PDB file of N, CA and C in Angstrom:
ATOM      1  N   MET A   1      16.273 139.154  24.645  1.00  0.00           N
ATOM      2  CA  MET A   1      16.678 137.760  24.580  1.00  0.00           C
ATOM      3  C   MET A   1      17.370 137.535  23.236  1.00  0.00           C
ATOM      4  N   ASN A   2      18.548 136.985  23.276  1.00  0.00           N
ATOM      5  CA  ASN A   2      19.313 136.704  22.071  1.00  0.00           C
ATOM      6  C   ASN A   2      19.744 135.247  22.130  1.00  0.00           C
ATOM      7  N   THR A   3      19.109 134.396  21.331  1.00  0.00           N
ATOM      8  CA  THR A   3      19.357 132.966  21.373  1.00  0.00           C
ATOM      9  C   THR A   3      19.781 132.466  20.011  1.00  0.00           C
ATOM     10  N   GLN A   4      20.798 131.635  19.963  1.00  0.00           N
ATOM     11  CA  GLN A   4      21.202 131.013  18.714  1.00  0.00           C
ATOM     12  C   GLN A   4      20.491 129.670  18.591  1.00  0.00           C
ATOM     13  N   LEU A   5      19.963 129.388  17.389  1.00  0.00           N
ATOM     14  CA  LEU A   5      19.266 128.138  17.134  1.00  0.00           C
ATOM     15  C   LEU A   5      19.976 127.421  15.997  1.00  0.00           C
ATOM     16  N   LYS A   6      20.064 126.108  16.098  1.00  0.00           N
ATOM     17  CA  LYS A   6      20.722 125.313  15.066  1.00  0.00           C
ATOM     18  C   LYS A   6      19.666 124.775  14.101  1.00  0.00           C
ATOM     19  N   VAL A   7      19.916 124.926  12.805  1.00  0.00           N
ATOM     20  CA  VAL A   7      19.019 124.410  11.777  1.00  0.00           C
ATOM     21  C   VAL A   7      19.342 122.931  11.580  1.00  0.00           C
ATOM     22  N   THR A   8      18.302 122.087  11.653  1.00  0.00           N
ATOM     23  CA  THR A   8      18.491 120.650  11.473  1.00  0.00           C
ATOM     24  C   THR A   8      17.636 120.151  10.320  1.00  0.00           C
ATOM     25  N   LYS A   9      18.035 119.034   9.753  1.00  0.00           N
ATOM     26  CA  LYS A   9      17.302 118.436   8.641  1.00  0.00           C
ATOM     27  C   LYS A   9      16.127 117.629   9.186  1.00  0.00           C
ATOM     28  N   ILE A  10      14.948 117.848   8.586  1.00  0.00           N
ATOM     29  CA  ILE A  10      13.739 117.110   8.948  1.00  0.00           C
ATOM     30  C   ILE A  10      13.126 116.627   7.643  1.00  0.00           C
ATOM     31  N   GLY A  11      13.411 115.397   7.254  1.00  0.00           N
ATOM     32  CA  GLY A  11      12.952 114.881   5.963  1.00  0.00           C
ATOM     33  C   GLY A  11      13.567 115.697   4.842  1.00  0.00           C
ATOM     34  N   ASN A  12      12.737 116.225   3.938  1.00  0.00           N
ATOM     35  CA  ASN A  12      13.219 117.069   2.848  1.00  0.00           C
ATOM     36  C   ASN A  12      13.234 118.543   3.232  1.00  0.00           C
ATOM     37  N   SER A  13      12.914 118.841   4.486  1.00  0.00           N
ATOM     38  CA  SER A  13      12.838 120.225   4.957  1.00  0.00           C
ATOM     39  C   SER A  13      13.910 120.480   6.005  1.00  0.00           C
ATOM     40  N   ALA A  14      13.839 121.651   6.598  1.00  0.00           N
ATOM     41  CA  ALA A  14      14.743 122.015   7.684  1.00  0.00           C
ATOM     42  C   ALA A  14      13.919 122.597   8.816  1.00  0.00           C
ATOM     43  N   GLY A  15      14.441 122.543  10.011  1.00  0.00           N
ATOM     44  CA  GLY A  15      13.715 123.074  11.159  1.00  0.00           C
ATOM     45  C   GLY A  15      14.661 123.493  12.257  1.00  0.00           C
ATOM     46  N   VAL A  16      14.112 124.166  13.258  1.00  0.00           N
ATOM     47  CA  VAL A  16      14.869 124.565  14.443  1.00  0.00           C
ATOM     48  C   VAL A  16      14.114 124.094  15.676  1.00  0.00           C
ATOM     49  N   VAL A  17      14.846 123.824  16.729  1.00  0.00           N
ATOM     50  CA  VAL A  17      14.248 123.428  17.998  1.00  0.00           C
ATOM     51  C   VAL A  17      14.197 124.671  18.871  1.00  0.00           C
ATOM     52  N   LEU A  18      13.009 124.987  19.377  1.00  0.00           N
ATOM     53  CA  LEU A  18      12.848 126.146  20.243  1.00  0.00           C
ATOM     54  C   LEU A  18      12.963 125.706  21.701  1.00  0.00           C
ATOM     55  N   PRO A  19      13.908 126.260  22.445  1.00  0.00           N
ATOM     56  CA  PRO A  19      14.047 125.895  23.852  1.00  0.00           C
ATOM     57  C   PRO A  19      12.814 126.303  24.655  1.00  0.00           C
ATOM     58  N   LYS A  20      12.584 125.627  25.774  1.00  0.00           N
ATOM     59  CA  LYS A  20      11.372 125.898  26.554  1.00  0.00           C
ATOM     60  C   LYS A  20      11.328 127.327  27.074  1.00  0.00           C
ATOM     61  N   GLU A  21      12.489 127.956  27.310  1.00  0.00           N
ATOM     62  CA  GLU A  21      12.503 129.348  27.750  1.00  0.00           C
ATOM     63  C   GLU A  21      11.956 130.265  26.659  1.00  0.00           C
ATOM     64  N   LEU A  22      12.292 129.973  25.407  1.00  0.00           N
ATOM     65  CA  LEU A  22      11.794 130.770  24.285  1.00  0.00           C
ATOM     66  C   LEU A  22      10.296 130.557  24.098  1.00  0.00           C
ATOM     67  N   LEU A  23       9.839 129.310  24.233  1.00  0.00           N
ATOM     68  CA  LEU A  23       8.405 129.026  24.151  1.00  0.00           C
ATOM     69  C   LEU A  23       7.645 129.772  25.242  1.00  0.00           C
ATOM     70  N   ALA A  24       8.212 129.807  26.439  1.00  0.00           N
ATOM     71  CA  ALA A  24       7.566 130.520  27.545  1.00  0.00           C
ATOM     72  C   ALA A  24       7.525 132.021  27.254  1.00  0.00           C
ATOM     73  N   HIS A  25       8.601 132.551  26.687  1.00  0.00           N
ATOM     74  CA  HIS A  25       8.647 133.979  26.346  1.00  0.00           C
ATOM     75  C   HIS A  25       7.599 134.318  25.281  1.00  0.00           C
ATOM     76  N   LEU A  26       7.395 133.411  24.312  1.00  0.00           N
ATOM     77  CA  LEU A  26       6.384 133.612  23.274  1.00  0.00           C
ATOM     78  C   LEU A  26       4.979 133.310  23.771  1.00  0.00           C
ATOM     79  N   ASP A  27       4.877 132.675  24.936  1.00  0.00           N
ATOM     80  CA  ASP A  27       3.608 132.251  25.526  1.00  0.00           C
ATOM     81  C   ASP A  27       2.871 131.284  24.593  1.00  0.00           C
ATOM     82  N   VAL A  28       3.607 130.279  24.081  1.00  0.00           N
ATOM     83  CA  VAL A  28       3.029 129.237  23.244  1.00  0.00           C
ATOM     84  C   VAL A  28       3.464 127.878  23.765  1.00  0.00           C
ATOM     85  N   ALA A  29       2.742 126.851  23.365  1.00  0.00           N
ATOM     86  CA  ALA A  29       3.050 125.485  23.758  1.00  0.00           C
ATOM     87  C   ALA A  29       3.243 124.642  22.500  1.00  0.00           C
ATOM     88  N   VAL A  30       3.739 123.435  22.695  1.00  0.00           N
ATOM     89  CA  VAL A  30       3.944 122.514  21.583  1.00  0.00           C
ATOM     90  C   VAL A  30       2.609 122.278  20.876  1.00  0.00           C
ATOM     91  N   GLY A  31       2.624 122.365  19.544  1.00  0.00           N
ATOM     92  CA  GLY A  31       1.417 122.143  18.756  1.00  0.00           C
ATOM     93  C   GLY A  31       0.695 123.419  18.359  1.00  0.00           C
ATOM     94  N   GLU A  32       1.031 124.548  18.997  1.00  0.00           N
ATOM     95  CA  GLU A  32       0.390 125.813  18.643  1.00  0.00           C
ATOM     96  C   GLU A  32       1.054 126.403  17.396  1.00  0.00           C
ATOM     97  N   THR A  33       0.399 127.388  16.797  1.00  0.00           N
ATOM     98  CA  THR A  33       0.876 128.008  15.560  1.00  0.00           C
ATOM     99  C   THR A  33       1.609 129.307  15.871  1.00  0.00           C
ATOM    100  N   LEU A  34       2.723 129.530  15.169  1.00  0.00           N
ATOM    101  CA  LEU A  34       3.476 130.771  15.273  1.00  0.00           C
ATOM    102  C   LEU A  34       3.314 131.567  13.987  1.00  0.00           C
ATOM    103  N   SER A  35       3.419 132.877  14.089  1.00  0.00           N
ATOM    104  CA  SER A  35       3.400 133.750  12.917  1.00  0.00           C
ATOM    105  C   SER A  35       4.824 134.214  12.653  1.00  0.00           C
ATOM    106  N   VAL A  36       5.210 134.222  11.386  1.00  0.00           N
ATOM    107  CA  VAL A  36       6.535 134.683  10.986  1.00  0.00           C
ATOM    108  C   VAL A  36       6.347 135.844  10.027  1.00  0.00           C
ATOM    109  N   SER A  37       6.984 136.980  10.327  1.00  0.00           N
ATOM    110  CA  SER A  37       6.868 138.179   9.500  1.00  0.00           C
ATOM    111  C   SER A  37       8.258 138.638   9.087  1.00  0.00           C
ATOM    112  N   LYS A  38       8.365 139.115   7.847  1.00  0.00           N
ATOM    113  CA  LYS A  38       9.624 139.673   7.373  1.00  0.00           C
ATOM    114  C   LYS A  38       9.669 141.138   7.782  1.00  0.00           C
ATOM    115  N   THR A  39      10.786 141.559   8.389  1.00  0.00           N
ATOM    116  CA  THR A  39      10.973 142.942   8.816  1.00  0.00           C
ATOM    117  C   THR A  39      12.254 143.473   8.179  1.00  0.00           C
ATOM    118  N   PRO A  40      12.485 144.772   8.249  1.00  0.00           N
ATOM    119  CA  PRO A  40      13.731 145.314   7.688  1.00  0.00           C
ATOM    120  C   PRO A  40      14.994 144.718   8.323  1.00  0.00           C
ATOM    121  N   ARG A  41      14.891 144.244   9.559  1.00  0.00           N
ATOM    122  CA  ARG A  41      16.059 143.689  10.252  1.00  0.00           C
ATOM    123  C   ARG A  41      16.178 142.177  10.122  1.00  0.00           C
ATOM    124  N   GLY A  42      15.214 141.522   9.495  1.00  0.00           N
ATOM    125  CA  GLY A  42      15.239 140.061   9.368  1.00  0.00           C
ATOM    126  C   GLY A  42      13.838 139.506   9.454  1.00  0.00           C
ATOM    127  N   ILE A  43      13.636 138.533  10.352  1.00  0.00           N
ATOM    128  CA  ILE A  43      12.296 137.984  10.541  1.00  0.00           C
ATOM    129  C   ILE A  43      11.878 138.142  11.997  1.00  0.00           C
ATOM    130  N   GLU A  44      10.570 138.142  12.202  1.00  0.00           N
ATOM    131  CA  GLU A  44      10.009 138.236  13.545  1.00  0.00           C
ATOM    132  C   GLU A  44       9.095 137.048  13.744  1.00  0.00           C
ATOM    133  N   ILE A  45       9.270 136.350  14.859  1.00  0.00           N
ATOM    134  CA  ILE A  45       8.419 135.214  15.204  1.00  0.00           C
ATOM    135  C   ILE A  45       7.572 135.620  16.399  1.00  0.00           C
ATOM    136  N   SER A  46       6.261 135.412  16.295  1.00  0.00           N
ATOM    137  CA  SER A  46       5.358 135.769  17.390  1.00  0.00           C
ATOM    138  C   SER A  46       4.249 134.738  17.492  1.00  0.00           C
ATOM    139  N   ALA A  47       3.532 134.785  18.596  1.00  0.00           N
ATOM    140  CA  ALA A  47       2.384 133.900  18.781  1.00  0.00           C
ATOM    141  C   ALA A  47       1.326 134.259  17.755  1.00  0.00           C
ATOM    142  N   HIS A  48       0.682 133.270  17.185  1.00  0.00           N
ATOM    143  CA  HIS A  48      -0.343 133.482  16.163  1.00  0.00           C
ATOM    144  C   HIS A  48      -1.593 134.078  16.790  1.00  0.00           C
ATOM    145  N   GLU A  49      -2.111 135.129  16.164  1.00  0.00           N
ATOM    146  CA  GLU A  49      -3.360 135.746  16.611  1.00  0.00           C
ATOM    147  C   GLU A  49      -4.422 135.466  15.560  1.00  0.00           C
ATOM    148  N   PRO A  50      -5.399 134.602  15.854  1.00  0.00           N
ATOM    149  CA  PRO A  50      -6.403 134.204  14.866  1.00  0.00           C
ATOM    150  C   PRO A  50      -7.186 135.379  14.286  1.00  0.00           C
ATOM    151  N   ASP A  51      -7.468 136.394  15.080  1.00  0.00           N
ATOM    152  CA  ASP A  51      -8.244 137.536  14.601  1.00  0.00           C
ATOM    153  C   ASP A  51      -7.452 138.407  13.625  1.00  0.00           C
ATOM    154  N   PHE A  52      -6.128 138.345  13.688  1.00  0.00           N
ATOM    155  CA  PHE A  52      -5.298 139.207  12.864  1.00  0.00           C
ATOM    156  C   PHE A  52      -5.536 138.964  11.377  1.00  0.00           C
ATOM    157  N   GLU A  53      -5.586 137.708  10.950  1.00  0.00           N
ATOM    158  CA  GLU A  53      -5.799 137.399   9.524  1.00  0.00           C
ATOM    159  C   GLU A  53      -7.148 137.919   9.038  1.00  0.00           C
ATOM    160  N   ALA A  54      -8.175 137.765   9.862  1.00  0.00           N
ATOM    161  CA  ALA A  54      -9.498 138.271   9.484  1.00  0.00           C
ATOM    162  C   ALA A  54      -9.463 139.796   9.349  1.00  0.00           C
ATOM    163  N   GLN A  55      -8.779 140.468  10.260  1.00  0.00           N
ATOM    164  CA  GLN A  55      -8.659 141.922  10.187  1.00  0.00           C
ATOM    165  C   GLN A  55      -7.882 142.342   8.944  1.00  0.00           C
ATOM    166  N   MET A  56      -6.822 141.610   8.609  1.00  0.00           N
ATOM    167  CA  MET A  56      -6.039 141.939   7.417  1.00  0.00           C
ATOM    168  C   MET A  56      -6.849 141.713   6.145  1.00  0.00           C
ATOM    169  N   ASP A  57      -7.672 140.682   6.104  1.00  0.00           N
ATOM    170  CA  ASP A  57      -8.526 140.440   4.938  1.00  0.00           C
ATOM    171  C   ASP A  57      -9.485 141.611   4.720  1.00  0.00           C
ATOM    172  N   VAL A  58     -10.078 142.103   5.796  1.00  0.00           N
ATOM    173  CA  VAL A  58     -10.987 143.247   5.698  1.00  0.00           C
ATOM    174  C   VAL A  58     -10.221 144.483   5.237  1.00  0.00           C
ATOM    175  N   ALA A  59      -9.029 144.700   5.788  1.00  0.00           N
ATOM    176  CA  ALA A  59      -8.218 145.861   5.403  1.00  0.00           C
ATOM    177  C   ALA A  59      -7.838 145.792   3.932  1.00  0.00           C
ATOM    178  N   ARG A  60      -7.460 144.629   3.445  1.00  0.00           N
ATOM    179  CA  ARG A  60      -7.104 144.473   2.025  1.00  0.00           C
ATOM    180  C   ARG A  60      -8.305 144.767   1.126  1.00  0.00           C
ATOM    181  N   GLU A  61      -9.474 144.314   1.547  1.00  0.00           N
ATOM    182  CA  GLU A  61     -10.694 144.551   0.773  1.00  0.00           C
ATOM    183  C   GLU A  61     -11.003 146.051   0.694  1.00  0.00           C
ATOM    184  N   VAL A  62     -10.896 146.744   1.818  1.00  0.00           N
ATOM    185  CA  VAL A  62     -11.147 148.190   1.841  1.00  0.00           C
ATOM    186  C   VAL A  62     -10.113 148.912   0.979  1.00  0.00           C
ATOM    187  N   MET A  63      -8.848 148.511   1.087  1.00  0.00           N
ATOM    188  CA  MET A  63      -7.804 149.167   0.292  1.00  0.00           C
ATOM    189  C   MET A  63      -8.027 148.952  -1.200  1.00  0.00           C
ATOM    190  N   ALA A  64      -8.511 147.793  -1.587  1.00  0.00           N
ATOM    191  CA  ALA A  64      -8.784 147.527  -3.003  1.00  0.00           C
ATOM    192  C   ALA A  64      -9.964 148.358  -3.496  1.00  0.00           C
ATOM    193  N   ARG A  65     -11.017 148.480  -2.667  1.00  0.00           N
ATOM    194  CA  ARG A  65     -12.207 149.241  -3.069  1.00  0.00           C
ATOM    195  C   ARG A  65     -11.966 150.732  -3.074  1.00  0.00           C
ATOM    196  N   ARG A  66     -11.178 151.229  -2.167  1.00  0.00           N
ATOM    197  CA  ARG A  66     -10.976 152.674  -1.982  1.00  0.00           C
ATOM    198  C   ARG A  66      -9.569 153.113  -2.395  1.00  0.00           C
ATOM    199  N   LYS A  67      -9.048 152.478  -3.430  1.00  0.00           N
ATOM    200  CA  LYS A  67      -7.672 152.744  -3.865  1.00  0.00           C
ATOM    201  C   LYS A  67      -7.445 154.223  -4.186  1.00  0.00           C
ATOM    202  N   ARG A  68      -8.357 154.836  -4.965  1.00  0.00           N
ATOM    203  CA  ARG A  68      -8.182 156.241  -5.353  1.00  0.00           C
ATOM    204  C   ARG A  68      -8.249 157.172  -4.148  1.00  0.00           C
ATOM    205  N   ALA A  69      -9.192 156.928  -3.252  1.00  0.00           N
ATOM    206  CA  ALA A  69      -9.332 157.775  -2.075  1.00  0.00           C
ATOM    207  C   ALA A  69      -8.069 157.680  -1.191  1.00  0.00           C
ATOM    208  N   LEU A  70      -7.564 156.487  -1.014  1.00  0.00           N
ATOM    209  CA  LEU A  70      -6.356 156.315  -0.210  1.00  0.00           C
ATOM    210  C   LEU A  70      -5.144 156.966  -0.875  1.00  0.00           C
ATOM    211  N   ARG A  71      -5.082 156.914  -2.191  1.00  0.00           N
ATOM    212  CA  ARG A  71      -3.989 157.557  -2.926  1.00  0.00           C
ATOM    213  C   ARG A  71      -4.045 159.067  -2.707  1.00  0.00           C
ATOM    214  N   GLU A  72      -5.239 159.660  -2.734  1.00  0.00           N
ATOM    215  CA  GLU A  72      -5.398 161.094  -2.506  1.00  0.00           C
ATOM    216  C   GLU A  72      -5.029 161.459  -1.073  1.00  0.00           C
ATOM    217  N   LEU A  73      -5.420 160.645  -0.121  1.00  0.00           N
ATOM    218  CA  LEU A  73      -5.107 160.920   1.272  1.00  0.00           C
ATOM    219  C   LEU A  73      -3.601 160.831   1.550  1.00  0.00           C
ATOM    220  N   ALA A  74      -2.898 160.030   0.761  1.00  0.00           N
ATOM    221  CA  ALA A  74      -1.460 159.857   0.961  1.00  0.00           C
ATOM    222  C   ALA A  74      -0.648 161.048   0.485  1.00  0.00           C
ATOM    223  N   LYS A  75      -1.266 161.950  -0.281  1.00  0.00           N
ATOM    224  CA  LYS A  75      -0.535 163.115  -0.821  1.00  0.00           C
ATOM    225  C   LYS A  75      -0.247 164.124   0.251  1.00  0.00           C
TER     226      LYS A  75
END
């Protein structure tokens, strides 16, 4: 799916309107949260997964505690 979106002014910010076909493709509805990630090709928009942030917090904690071990494993 390749869709062009127009950036519009919303108060002091900017926004885009997502067509209903795109919302259906993302499997989200009005009022739900989307996740935006930076990738080498630009940005990626996906449906928000509540468990993902909790999993990332645990992963960051393990990486901070086991920094030396992970550095050795990376060799």
